[in-house]
Amino acid sequence: MKKRTVLTGMMLLGVALCGCGANAGDSAIRRLALRVVRIDRLIRVARADIEGSVPLNPCAEKVGAGLDWLAMRAERLRVAAAAPRPILMGRHLMDMGYSPSNAFGKWLSAAFDAQLDGRFADLQGAIAYFKAHIAP
């Protein structure tokens, strides 16, 4: 029962993002992928729910177009079939000369938030961002 409630909540969140169209940014889509893991499956469930409504949901066509938009954006961001994974890891910090400490978690969390916001997309960008914005 709990899984169904969570899935329904995530489905509504996904549909709401679709309705926002161009107003929903890449960061929101990446964060949705983090919560649901498989946006492609979320879209499939949302489509089935909308198309299976009797009588047909009057917004079905608009929501269907929004789901198409979400699928396209998620595919472009490479988060349709898997949640984003952190690029910067503790081993990279150690390679830069930092000794493992309690601060690693805070630093890596801040870097991952920046990654979700689209501030970098590869390891070189992650390291540059870390040095410029996070490193003590």
Protein backbone atom coordinates (compact mmCIF):
# COMPACT_ATOMS: atom_id res chain seq x y z
CA MET A 1 0.00 0.00 0.00
CA LYS A 2 2.80 2.43 0.89
CA LYS A 3 4.52 1.87 -2.49
CA ARG A 4 1.25 2.60 -4.32
CA THR A 5 0.79 5.85 -2.38
CA VAL A 6 4.36 6.94 -3.10
CA LEU A 7 4.01 6.03 -6.79
CA THR A 8 0.75 7.96 -7.04
CA GLY A 9 2.38 11.00 -5.42
CA MET A 10 5.35 10.83 -7.76
CA MET A 11 3.02 10.38 -10.74
CA LEU A 12 1.15 13.53 -9.78
CA LEU A 13 4.44 15.38 -9.38
CA GLY A 14 5.55 14.20 -12.83
CA VAL A 15 2.25 15.25 -14.39
CA ALA A 16 2.53 18.64 -12.67
CA LEU A 17 6.02 19.10 -14.15
CA CYS A 18 4.58 18.27 -17.58
CA GLY A 19 1.87 20.85 -17.16
CA CYS A 20 4.50 23.47 -16.46
CA GLY A 21 6.02 22.84 -19.87
CA ALA A 22 8.93 25.15 -20.50
CA ASN A 23 8.77 26.43 -16.92
CA ALA A 24 10.07 23.13 -15.50
CA GLY A 25 13.83 23.24 -15.65
CA ASP A 26 16.38 20.52 -16.06
CA SER A 27 17.14 20.65 -12.34
CA ALA A 28 13.52 19.76 -11.49
CA ILE A 29 13.61 16.84 -13.91
CA ARG A 30 16.91 15.55 -12.49
CA ARG A 31 15.51 15.80 -8.96
CA LEU A 32 12.34 13.97 -10.01
CA ALA A 33 14.54 11.20 -11.45
CA LEU A 34 16.36 11.03 -8.14
CA ARG A 35 13.05 10.43 -6.34
CA VAL A 36 11.42 7.98 -8.77
CA VAL A 37 14.58 6.41 -10.29
CA ARG A 38 12.81 5.52 -13.58
CA ILE A 39 10.98 8.47 -15.16
CA ASP A 40 10.13 6.27 -18.13
CA ARG A 41 8.10 3.98 -15.85
CA LEU A 42 6.48 6.93 -14.11
CA ILE A 43 5.36 8.21 -17.51
CA ARG A 44 4.02 4.77 -18.47
CA VAL A 45 1.94 4.59 -15.26
CA ALA A 46 0.69 8.17 -15.68
CA ARG A 47 -0.36 7.44 -19.29
CA ALA A 48 -2.16 4.27 -18.27
CA ASP A 49 -3.96 6.12 -15.49
CA ILE A 50 -5.07 8.97 -17.74
CA GLU A 51 -6.01 6.84 -20.73
CA GLY A 52 -7.79 4.29 -18.52
CA SER A 53 -10.05 6.86 -16.89
CA VAL A 54 -13.73 6.41 -17.65
CA PRO A 55 -14.98 8.75 -18.86
CA LEU A 56 -11.77 9.87 -20.53
CA ASN A 57 -10.09 12.64 -18.60
CA PRO A 58 -10.89 15.92 -20.43
CA CYS A 59 -7.26 16.98 -20.01
CA ALA A 60 -5.89 13.70 -21.41
CA GLU A 61 -4.62 15.21 -24.67
CA LYS A 62 -2.81 18.08 -22.94
CA VAL A 63 -1.35 15.82 -20.27
CA GLY A 64 -0.31 13.31 -22.94
CA ALA A 65 1.61 16.05 -24.74
CA GLY A 66 3.17 17.05 -21.43
CA LEU A 67 4.23 13.46 -20.79
CA ASP A 68 5.80 13.35 -24.26
CA TRP A 69 7.69 16.55 -23.40
CA LEU A 70 8.87 15.08 -20.06
CA ALA A 71 9.99 11.86 -21.76
CA MET A 72 11.97 13.82 -24.34
CA ARG A 73 13.65 16.05 -21.73
CA ALA A 74 14.44 13.12 -19.43
CA GLU A 75 15.97 11.23 -22.36
CA ARG A 76 18.06 14.26 -23.34
CA LEU A 77 19.30 14.60 -19.75
CA ARG A 78 19.97 10.84 -19.65
CA VAL A 79 17.76 10.35 -16.58
CA ALA A 80 14.79 8.56 -18.20
CA ALA A 81 15.89 5.05 -17.20
CA ALA A 82 18.09 5.77 -14.18
CA ALA A 83 18.53 8.34 -11.47
CA PRO A 84 21.52 10.67 -11.79
CA ARG A 85 24.63 9.47 -9.98
CA PRO A 86 27.18 11.76 -8.35
CA ILE A 87 30.14 12.54 -10.57
CA LEU A 88 32.47 13.78 -7.82
CA MET A 89 33.39 11.12 -5.27
CA GLY A 90 35.58 10.82 -2.22
CA ARG A 91 38.38 9.20 -4.22
CA HIS A 92 38.56 12.34 -6.37
CA LEU A 93 38.94 14.50 -3.26
CA MET A 94 41.73 12.22 -2.04
CA ASP A 95 43.38 12.49 -5.47
CA MET A 96 43.38 16.27 -4.93
CA GLY A 97 45.25 15.80 -1.67
CA TYR A 98 42.41 15.94 0.87
CA SER A 99 42.45 13.44 3.72
CA PRO A 100 39.18 11.65 4.44
CA SER A 101 37.20 13.53 7.06
CA ASN A 102 33.69 14.29 8.25
CA ALA A 103 33.65 17.24 5.85
CA PHE A 104 33.71 14.94 2.82
CA GLY A 105 29.98 14.20 3.12
CA LYS A 106 29.06 17.87 3.25
CA TRP A 107 31.37 18.74 0.34
CA LEU A 108 30.15 15.86 -1.83
CA SER A 109 26.52 16.68 -1.05
CA ALA A 110 27.07 20.31 -2.09
CA ALA A 111 28.78 19.14 -5.29
CA PHE A 112 25.92 16.77 -6.09
CA ASP A 113 23.37 19.55 -5.59
CA ALA A 114 25.36 21.70 -8.00
CA GLN A 115 25.47 18.80 -10.47
CA LEU A 116 21.67 18.43 -10.26
CA ASP A 117 21.38 22.16 -10.90
CA GLY A 118 23.40 21.68 -14.09
CA ARG A 119 26.51 23.58 -13.00
CA PHE A 120 28.73 20.80 -14.41
CA ALA A 121 28.26 17.57 -16.34
CA ASP A 122 31.62 15.81 -16.26
CA LEU A 123 34.49 15.08 -13.87
CA GLN A 124 36.64 18.00 -15.04
CA GLY A 125 33.73 20.36 -14.46
CA ALA A 126 33.04 18.80 -11.06
CA ILE A 127 36.65 19.27 -9.96
CA ALA A 128 36.72 22.86 -11.22
CA TYR A 129 33.42 23.61 -9.45
CA PHE A 130 34.68 22.02 -6.23
CA LYS A 131 37.88 24.08 -6.28
CA ALA A 132 36.06 27.33 -7.06
CA HIS A 133 33.00 27.02 -4.82
CA ILE A 134 33.37 24.34 -2.16
CA ALA A 135 37.00 23.68 -1.27
CA PRO A 136 38.16 25.22 1.99
